[in-house]
PDB file of N, CA and C in Angstrom:
ATOM      1  N   MET A   1       1.271  17.250 -10.804  1.00  0.00           N
ATOM      2  CA  MET A   1       0.782  15.904 -10.974  1.00  0.00           C
ATOM      3  C   MET A   1       0.851  15.179  -9.630  1.00  0.00           C
ATOM      4  N   PHE A   2      -0.087  14.279  -9.425  1.00  0.00           N
ATOM      5  CA  PHE A   2      -0.132  13.442  -8.234  1.00  0.00           C
ATOM      6  C   PHE A   2       0.007  11.986  -8.637  1.00  0.00           C
ATOM      7  N   THR A   3       0.749  11.212  -7.866  1.00  0.00           N
ATOM      8  CA  THR A   3       0.825   9.771  -8.040  1.00  0.00           C
ATOM      9  C   THR A   3       0.328   9.141  -6.753  1.00  0.00           C
ATOM     10  N   VAL A   4      -0.759   8.382  -6.881  1.00  0.00           N
ATOM     11  CA  VAL A   4      -1.389   7.725  -5.740  1.00  0.00           C
ATOM     12  C   VAL A   4      -1.365   6.225  -5.987  1.00  0.00           C
ATOM     13  N   MET A   5      -1.037   5.460  -4.951  1.00  0.00           N
ATOM     14  CA  MET A   5      -1.103   4.004  -5.039  1.00  0.00           C
ATOM     15  C   MET A   5      -2.110   3.527  -4.012  1.00  0.00           C
ATOM     16  N   ALA A   6      -3.019   2.651  -4.461  1.00  0.00           N
ATOM     17  CA  ALA A   6      -3.977   2.000  -3.569  1.00  0.00           C
ATOM     18  C   ALA A   6      -3.541   0.549  -3.414  1.00  0.00           C
ATOM     19  N   ILE A   7      -3.490   0.083  -2.179  1.00  0.00           N
ATOM     20  CA  ILE A   7      -3.038  -1.275  -1.885  1.00  0.00           C
ATOM     21  C   ILE A   7      -4.124  -1.977  -1.074  1.00  0.00           C
ATOM     22  N   LYS A   8      -4.679  -3.046  -1.632  1.00  0.00           N
ATOM     23  CA  LYS A   8      -5.660  -3.851  -0.906  1.00  0.00           C
ATOM     24  C   LYS A   8      -4.933  -5.047  -0.302  1.00  0.00           C
ATOM     25  N   ILE A   9      -5.175  -5.288   0.976  1.00  0.00           N
ATOM     26  CA  ILE A   9      -4.497  -6.363   1.703  1.00  0.00           C
ATOM     27  C   ILE A   9      -5.551  -7.297   2.289  1.00  0.00           C
ATOM     28  N   GLU A  10      -5.432  -8.593   1.940  1.00  0.00           N
ATOM     29  CA  GLU A  10      -6.368  -9.579   2.474  1.00  0.00           C
ATOM     30  C   GLU A  10      -5.723 -10.964   2.435  1.00  0.00           C
ATOM     31  N   PRO A  11      -5.565 -11.620   3.522  1.00  0.00           N
ATOM     32  CA  PRO A  11      -5.999 -11.296   4.882  1.00  0.00           C
ATOM     33  C   PRO A  11      -5.074 -10.264   5.531  1.00  0.00           C
ATOM     34  N   ARG A  12      -5.665  -9.228   6.042  1.00  0.00           N
ATOM     35  CA  ARG A  12      -4.942  -8.065   6.536  1.00  0.00           C
ATOM     36  C   ARG A  12      -3.971  -8.411   7.666  1.00  0.00           C
ATOM     37  N   VAL A  13      -4.439  -9.122   8.664  1.00  0.00           N
ATOM     38  CA  VAL A  13      -3.594  -9.400   9.841  1.00  0.00           C
ATOM     39  C   VAL A  13      -2.383 -10.247   9.448  1.00  0.00           C
ATOM     40  N   LYS A  14      -2.572 -11.192   8.552  1.00  0.00           N
ATOM     41  CA  LYS A  14      -1.477 -12.078   8.153  1.00  0.00           C
ATOM     42  C   LYS A  14      -0.471 -11.385   7.231  1.00  0.00           C
ATOM     43  N   LYS A  15      -0.946 -10.571   6.305  1.00  0.00           N
ATOM     44  CA  LYS A  15      -0.083  -9.960   5.290  1.00  0.00           C
ATOM     45  C   LYS A  15       0.488  -8.596   5.677  1.00  0.00           C
ATOM     46  N   ALA A  16      -0.129  -7.919   6.623  1.00  0.00           N
ATOM     47  CA  ALA A  16       0.285  -6.554   6.968  1.00  0.00           C
ATOM     48  C   ALA A  16       1.755  -6.432   7.375  1.00  0.00           C
ATOM     49  N   PRO A  17       2.318  -7.349   8.159  1.00  0.00           N
ATOM     50  CA  PRO A  17       3.730  -7.187   8.524  1.00  0.00           C
ATOM     51  C   PRO A  17       4.678  -7.201   7.323  1.00  0.00           C
ATOM     52  N   GLU A  18       4.414  -8.066   6.353  1.00  0.00           N
ATOM     53  CA  GLU A  18       5.260  -8.115   5.155  1.00  0.00           C
ATOM     54  C   GLU A  18       5.085  -6.856   4.298  1.00  0.00           C
ATOM     55  N   VAL A  19       3.842  -6.388   4.194  1.00  0.00           N
ATOM     56  CA  VAL A  19       3.579  -5.136   3.464  1.00  0.00           C
ATOM     57  C   VAL A  19       4.304  -3.991   4.155  1.00  0.00           C
ATOM     58  N   GLN A  20       4.260  -3.957   5.483  1.00  0.00           N
ATOM     59  CA  GLN A  20       4.937  -2.903   6.235  1.00  0.00           C
ATOM     60  C   GLN A  20       6.437  -2.890   5.965  1.00  0.00           C
ATOM     61  N   GLU A  21       7.050  -4.055   5.872  1.00  0.00           N
ATOM     62  CA  GLU A  21       8.485  -4.126   5.559  1.00  0.00           C
ATOM     63  C   GLU A  21       8.779  -3.486   4.204  1.00  0.00           C
ATOM     64  N   ILE A  22       7.948  -3.773   3.228  1.00  0.00           N
ATOM     65  CA  ILE A  22       8.145  -3.218   1.885  1.00  0.00           C
ATOM     66  C   ILE A  22       7.944  -1.709   1.908  1.00  0.00           C
ATOM     67  N   LEU A  23       6.904  -1.239   2.600  1.00  0.00           N
ATOM     68  CA  LEU A  23       6.652   0.201   2.673  1.00  0.00           C
ATOM     69  C   LEU A  23       7.805   0.925   3.376  1.00  0.00           C
ATOM     70  N   THR A  24       8.375   0.297   4.386  1.00  0.00           N
ATOM     71  CA  THR A  24       9.526   0.885   5.075  1.00  0.00           C
ATOM     72  C   THR A  24      10.723   0.983   4.127  1.00  0.00           C
ATOM     73  N   LYS A  25      10.932  -0.054   3.326  1.00  0.00           N
ATOM     74  CA  LYS A  25      12.028  -0.073   2.353  1.00  0.00           C
ATOM     75  C   LYS A  25      11.925   1.102   1.378  1.00  0.00           C
ATOM     76  N   TYR A  26      10.710   1.462   0.989  1.00  0.00           N
ATOM     77  CA  TYR A  26      10.485   2.548   0.031  1.00  0.00           C
ATOM     78  C   TYR A  26       9.995   3.830   0.714  1.00  0.00           C
ATOM     79  N   GLY A  27      10.219   3.943   2.000  1.00  0.00           N
ATOM     80  CA  GLY A  27       9.700   5.063   2.778  1.00  0.00           C
ATOM     81  C   GLY A  27      10.078   6.442   2.273  1.00  0.00           C
ATOM     82  N   CYS A  28      11.214   6.568   1.629  1.00  0.00           N
ATOM     83  CA  CYS A  28      11.671   7.885   1.164  1.00  0.00           C
ATOM     84  C   CYS A  28      10.861   8.428  -0.007  1.00  0.00           C
ATOM     85  N   ILE A  29      10.090   7.585  -0.686  1.00  0.00           N
ATOM     86  CA  ILE A  29       9.266   8.084  -1.795  1.00  0.00           C
ATOM     87  C   ILE A  29       7.805   8.228  -1.399  1.00  0.00           C
ATOM     88  N   ILE A  30       7.481   7.893  -0.146  1.00  0.00           N
ATOM     89  CA  ILE A  30       6.097   7.994   0.323  1.00  0.00           C
ATOM     90  C   ILE A  30       5.913   9.336   1.018  1.00  0.00           C
ATOM     91  N   HIS A  31       5.100  10.178   0.411  1.00  0.00           N
ATOM     92  CA  HIS A  31       4.833  11.506   0.969  1.00  0.00           C
ATOM     93  C   HIS A  31       3.761  11.419   2.051  1.00  0.00           C
ATOM     94  N   THR A  32       2.679  10.682   1.781  1.00  0.00           N
ATOM     95  CA  THR A  32       1.577  10.529   2.723  1.00  0.00           C
ATOM     96  C   THR A  32       1.080   9.093   2.670  1.00  0.00           C
ATOM     97  N   ARG A  33       0.684   8.566   3.817  1.00  0.00           N
ATOM     98  CA  ARG A  33       0.156   7.201   3.895  1.00  0.00           C
ATOM     99  C   ARG A  33      -1.092   7.211   4.759  1.00  0.00           C
ATOM    100  N   ILE A  34      -2.155   6.566   4.252  1.00  0.00           N
ATOM    101  CA  ILE A  34      -3.404   6.442   4.994  1.00  0.00           C
ATOM    102  C   ILE A  34      -3.817   4.974   4.981  1.00  0.00           C
ATOM    103  N   GLY A  35      -4.070   4.413   6.133  1.00  0.00           N
ATOM    104  CA  GLY A  35      -4.514   3.028   6.236  1.00  0.00           C
ATOM    105  C   GLY A  35      -5.968   2.970   6.674  1.00  0.00           C
ATOM    106  N   LEU A  36      -6.755   2.162   5.985  1.00  0.00           N
ATOM    107  CA  LEU A  36      -8.186   2.054   6.279  1.00  0.00           C
ATOM    108  C   LEU A  36      -8.589   0.593   6.430  1.00  0.00           C
ATOM    109  N   HIS A  37      -9.407   0.309   7.400  1.00  0.00           N
ATOM    110  CA  HIS A  37     -10.079  -0.975   7.502  1.00  0.00           C
ATOM    111  C   HIS A  37     -11.313  -0.787   8.368  1.00  0.00           C
ATOM    112  N   GLU A  38     -12.306  -1.585   8.109  1.00  0.00           N
ATOM    113  CA  GLU A  38     -13.547  -1.475   8.862  1.00  0.00           C
ATOM    114  C   GLU A  38     -13.350  -2.083  10.246  1.00  0.00           C
ATOM    115  N   ALA A  39     -13.710  -1.331  11.244  1.00  0.00           N
ATOM    116  CA  ALA A  39     -13.574  -1.808  12.612  1.00  0.00           C
ATOM    117  C   ALA A  39     -14.791  -1.356  13.418  1.00  0.00           C
ATOM    118  N   THR A  40     -15.269  -2.256  14.232  1.00  0.00           N
ATOM    119  CA  THR A  40     -16.345  -1.933  15.171  1.00  0.00           C
ATOM    120  C   THR A  40     -15.879  -2.349  16.559  1.00  0.00           C
ATOM    121  N   LYS A  41     -16.717  -2.096  17.515  1.00  0.00           N
ATOM    122  CA  LYS A  41     -16.382  -2.473  18.885  1.00  0.00           C
ATOM    123  C   LYS A  41     -16.189  -3.983  19.021  1.00  0.00           C
ATOM    124  N   ASP A  42     -16.911  -4.759  18.198  1.00  0.00           N
ATOM    125  CA  ASP A  42     -16.897  -6.206  18.330  1.00  0.00           C
ATOM    126  C   ASP A  42     -16.086  -6.951  17.284  1.00  0.00           C
ATOM    127  N   SER A  43     -15.671  -6.271  16.216  1.00  0.00           N
ATOM    128  CA  SER A  43     -14.947  -6.991  15.165  1.00  0.00           C
ATOM    129  C   SER A  43     -14.007  -6.051  14.411  1.00  0.00           C
ATOM    130  N   CYS A  44     -13.105  -6.675  13.678  1.00  0.00           N
ATOM    131  CA  CYS A  44     -12.140  -5.937  12.875  1.00  0.00           C
ATOM    132  C   CYS A  44     -12.058  -6.647  11.521  1.00  0.00           C
ATOM    133  N   ALA A  45     -12.193  -5.899  10.440  1.00  0.00           N
ATOM    134  CA  ALA A  45     -12.238  -6.478   9.095  1.00  0.00           C
ATOM    135  C   ALA A  45     -10.959  -7.232   8.755  1.00  0.00           C
ATOM    136  N   ASN A  46     -11.115  -8.250   7.937  1.00  0.00           N
ATOM    137  CA  ASN A  46      -9.978  -9.054   7.505  1.00  0.00           C
ATOM    138  C   ASN A  46      -9.307  -8.474   6.260  1.00  0.00           C
ATOM    139  N   SER A  47      -9.898  -7.431   5.670  1.00  0.00           N
ATOM    140  CA  SER A  47      -9.259  -6.778   4.531  1.00  0.00           C
ATOM    141  C   SER A  47      -8.975  -5.326   4.891  1.00  0.00           C
ATOM    142  N   GLY A  48      -7.964  -4.781   4.254  1.00  0.00           N
ATOM    143  CA  GLY A  48      -7.591  -3.402   4.522  1.00  0.00           C
ATOM    144  C   GLY A  48      -7.172  -2.697   3.249  1.00  0.00           C
ATOM    145  N   LEU A  49      -7.164  -1.392   3.295  1.00  0.00           N
ATOM    146  CA  LEU A  49      -6.768  -0.570   2.171  1.00  0.00           C
ATOM    147  C   LEU A  49      -5.750   0.450   2.655  1.00  0.00           C
ATOM    148  N   VAL A  50      -4.641   0.561   1.933  1.00  0.00           N
ATOM    149  CA  VAL A  50      -3.623   1.570   2.225  1.00  0.00           C
ATOM    150  C   VAL A  50      -3.534   2.475   1.009  1.00  0.00           C
ATOM    151  N   LEU A  51      -3.585   3.773   1.241  1.00  0.00           N
ATOM    152  CA  LEU A  51      -3.434   4.765   0.176  1.00  0.00           C
ATOM    153  C   LEU A  51      -2.117   5.496   0.378  1.00  0.00           C
ATOM    154  N   LEU A  52      -1.336   5.582  -0.693  1.00  0.00           N
ATOM    155  CA  LEU A  52      -0.047   6.269  -0.644  1.00  0.00           C
ATOM    156  C   LEU A  52      -0.038   7.429  -1.616  1.00  0.00           C
ATOM    157  N   ASN A  53       0.438   8.580  -1.179  1.00  0.00           N
ATOM    158  CA  ASN A  53       0.741   9.697  -2.062  1.00  0.00           C
ATOM    159  C   ASN A  53       2.252   9.641  -2.258  1.00  0.00           C
ATOM    160  N   LEU A  54       2.674   9.384  -3.495  1.00  0.00           N
ATOM    161  CA  LEU A  54       4.086   9.134  -3.786  1.00  0.00           C
ATOM    162  C   LEU A  54       4.752  10.324  -4.466  1.00  0.00           C
ATOM    163  N   LEU A  55       6.061  10.447  -4.295  1.00  0.00           N
ATOM    164  CA  LEU A  55       6.827  11.491  -4.978  1.00  0.00           C
ATOM    165  C   LEU A  55       6.836  11.180  -6.472  1.00  0.00           C
ATOM    166  N   THR A  56       6.337  12.096  -7.274  1.00  0.00           N
ATOM    167  CA  THR A  56       6.094  11.823  -8.693  1.00  0.00           C
ATOM    168  C   THR A  56       7.357  11.696  -9.529  1.00  0.00           C
ATOM    169  N   ASP A  57       8.474  12.212  -9.068  1.00  0.00           N
ATOM    170  CA  ASP A  57       9.691  12.163  -9.891  1.00  0.00           C
ATOM    171  C   ASP A  57      10.502  10.888  -9.680  1.00  0.00           C
ATOM    172  N   GLU A  58       9.996   9.963  -8.917  1.00  0.00           N
ATOM    173  CA  GLU A  58      10.701   8.713  -8.620  1.00  0.00           C
ATOM    174  C   GLU A  58      10.052   7.540  -9.362  1.00  0.00           C
ATOM    175  N   LYS A  59       9.962   7.639 -10.673  1.00  0.00           N
ATOM    176  CA  LYS A  59       9.249   6.653 -11.498  1.00  0.00           C
ATOM    177  C   LYS A  59       9.780   5.231 -11.322  1.00  0.00           C
ATOM    178  N   GLU A  60      11.080   5.052 -11.319  1.00  0.00           N
ATOM    179  CA  GLU A  60      11.660   3.714 -11.214  1.00  0.00           C
ATOM    180  C   GLU A  60      11.369   3.098  -9.846  1.00  0.00           C
ATOM    181  N   GLU A  61      11.502   3.893  -8.788  1.00  0.00           N
ATOM    182  CA  GLU A  61      11.215   3.408  -7.440  1.00  0.00           C
ATOM    183  C   GLU A  61       9.732   3.073  -7.284  1.00  0.00           C
ATOM    184  N   ILE A  62       8.857   3.888  -7.862  1.00  0.00           N
ATOM    185  CA  ILE A  62       7.420   3.614  -7.819  1.00  0.00           C
ATOM    186  C   ILE A  62       7.115   2.301  -8.533  1.00  0.00           C
ATOM    187  N   LYS A  63       7.744   2.090  -9.674  1.00  0.00           N
ATOM    188  CA  LYS A  63       7.561   0.845 -10.427  1.00  0.00           C
ATOM    189  C   LYS A  63       8.014  -0.343  -9.590  1.00  0.00           C
ATOM    190  N   ASN A  64       9.162  -0.237  -8.942  1.00  0.00           N
ATOM    191  CA  ASN A  64       9.685  -1.323  -8.114  1.00  0.00           C
ATOM    192  C   ASN A  64       8.770  -1.612  -6.917  1.00  0.00           C
ATOM    193  N   LEU A  65       8.293  -0.559  -6.264  1.00  0.00           N
ATOM    194  CA  LEU A  65       7.365  -0.710  -5.142  1.00  0.00           C
ATOM    195  C   LEU A  65       6.101  -1.424  -5.599  1.00  0.00           C
ATOM    196  N   HIS A  66       5.538  -0.973  -6.710  1.00  0.00           N
ATOM    197  CA  HIS A  66       4.324  -1.577  -7.253  1.00  0.00           C
ATOM    198  C   HIS A  66       4.527  -3.060  -7.550  1.00  0.00           C
ATOM    199  N   GLU A  67       5.618  -3.393  -8.199  1.00  0.00           N
ATOM    200  CA  GLU A  67       5.885  -4.784  -8.561  1.00  0.00           C
ATOM    201  C   GLU A  67       6.061  -5.668  -7.326  1.00  0.00           C
ATOM    202  N   GLU A  68       6.766  -5.169  -6.316  1.00  0.00           N
ATOM    203  CA  GLU A  68       6.965  -5.958  -5.093  1.00  0.00           C
ATOM    204  C   GLU A  68       5.651  -6.234  -4.388  1.00  0.00           C
ATOM    205  N   LEU A  69       4.838  -5.202  -4.252  1.00  0.00           N
ATOM    206  CA  LEU A  69       3.557  -5.373  -3.566  1.00  0.00           C
ATOM    207  C   LEU A  69       2.613  -6.258  -4.367  1.00  0.00           C
ATOM    208  N   ASP A  70       2.494  -5.980  -5.660  1.00  0.00           N
ATOM    209  CA  ASP A  70       1.525  -6.688  -6.494  1.00  0.00           C
ATOM    210  C   ASP A  70       1.897  -8.159  -6.699  1.00  0.00           C
ATOM    211  N   SER A  71       3.150  -8.515  -6.459  1.00  0.00           N
ATOM    212  CA  SER A  71       3.566  -9.912  -6.611  1.00  0.00           C
ATOM    213  C   SER A  71       3.206 -10.766  -5.386  1.00  0.00           C
ATOM    214  N   MET A  72       2.818 -10.120  -4.298  1.00  0.00           N
ATOM    215  CA  MET A  72       2.463 -10.849  -3.074  1.00  0.00           C
ATOM    216  C   MET A  72       1.068 -11.444  -3.184  1.00  0.00           C
ATOM    217  N   GLU A  73       0.923 -12.675  -2.747  1.00  0.00           N
ATOM    218  CA  GLU A  73      -0.402 -13.290  -2.693  1.00  0.00           C
ATOM    219  C   GLU A  73      -1.239 -12.553  -1.647  1.00  0.00           C
ATOM    220  N   GLY A  74      -2.462 -12.200  -1.997  1.00  0.00           N
ATOM    221  CA  GLY A  74      -3.350 -11.498  -1.086  1.00  0.00           C
ATOM    222  C   GLY A  74      -3.192  -9.988  -1.100  1.00  0.00           C
ATOM    223  N   VAL A  75      -2.300  -9.473  -1.932  1.00  0.00           N
ATOM    224  CA  VAL A  75      -2.070  -8.021  -2.015  1.00  0.00           C
ATOM    225  C   VAL A  75      -2.262  -7.577  -3.460  1.00  0.00           C
ATOM    226  N   THR A  76      -3.044  -6.526  -3.647  1.00  0.00           N
ATOM    227  CA  THR A  76      -3.248  -5.947  -4.975  1.00  0.00           C
ATOM    228  C   THR A  76      -2.882  -4.472  -4.897  1.00  0.00           C
ATOM    229  N   ALA A  77      -2.027  -4.011  -5.800  1.00  0.00           N
ATOM    230  CA  ALA A  77      -1.604  -2.613  -5.824  1.00  0.00           C
ATOM    231  C   ALA A  77      -1.953  -1.994  -7.172  1.00  0.00           C
ATOM    232  N   LYS A  78      -2.524  -0.803  -7.131  1.00  0.00           N
ATOM    233  CA  LYS A  78      -2.887  -0.068  -8.343  1.00  0.00           C
ATOM    234  C   LYS A  78      -2.345   1.355  -8.235  1.00  0.00           C
ATOM    235  N   ILE A  79      -1.908   1.901  -9.370  1.00  0.00           N
ATOM    236  CA  ILE A  79      -1.365   3.266  -9.412  1.00  0.00           C
ATOM    237  C   ILE A  79      -2.318   4.167 -10.179  1.00  0.00           C
ATOM    238  N   LEU A  80      -2.516   5.370  -9.653  1.00  0.00           N
ATOM    239  CA  LEU A  80      -3.328   6.387 -10.308  1.00  0.00           C
ATOM    240  C   LEU A  80      -2.480   7.649 -10.419  1.00  0.00           C
ATOM    241  N   GLU A  81      -2.335   8.151 -11.639  1.00  0.00           N
ATOM    242  CA  GLU A  81      -1.622   9.411 -11.849  1.00  0.00           C
ATOM    243  C   GLU A  81      -2.613  10.446 -12.352  1.00  0.00           C
ATOM    244  N   MET A  82      -2.591  11.600 -11.732  1.00  0.00           N
ATOM    245  CA  MET A  82      -3.513  12.681 -12.119  1.00  0.00           C
ATOM    246  C   MET A  82      -2.734  13.961 -12.306  1.00  0.00           C
TER     247      MET A  82
END
């Protein structure tokens, strides 16, 4: 089974440092992390997406991570289990 969390951050530049603190706090359950945002030579998007592959046996920690992120204004977190 895979547990993936998608995190949308907007405004990215303002909220990213706080999101980073939370991700660091739960770093031991994050197997893989991918950060995406649209960037060109002339501009950088104000929204971003972070994808996490989480350790599936850490249900309580995943729940806590989700709740912390999703409670932030400008941050939306969704979990997908497959």
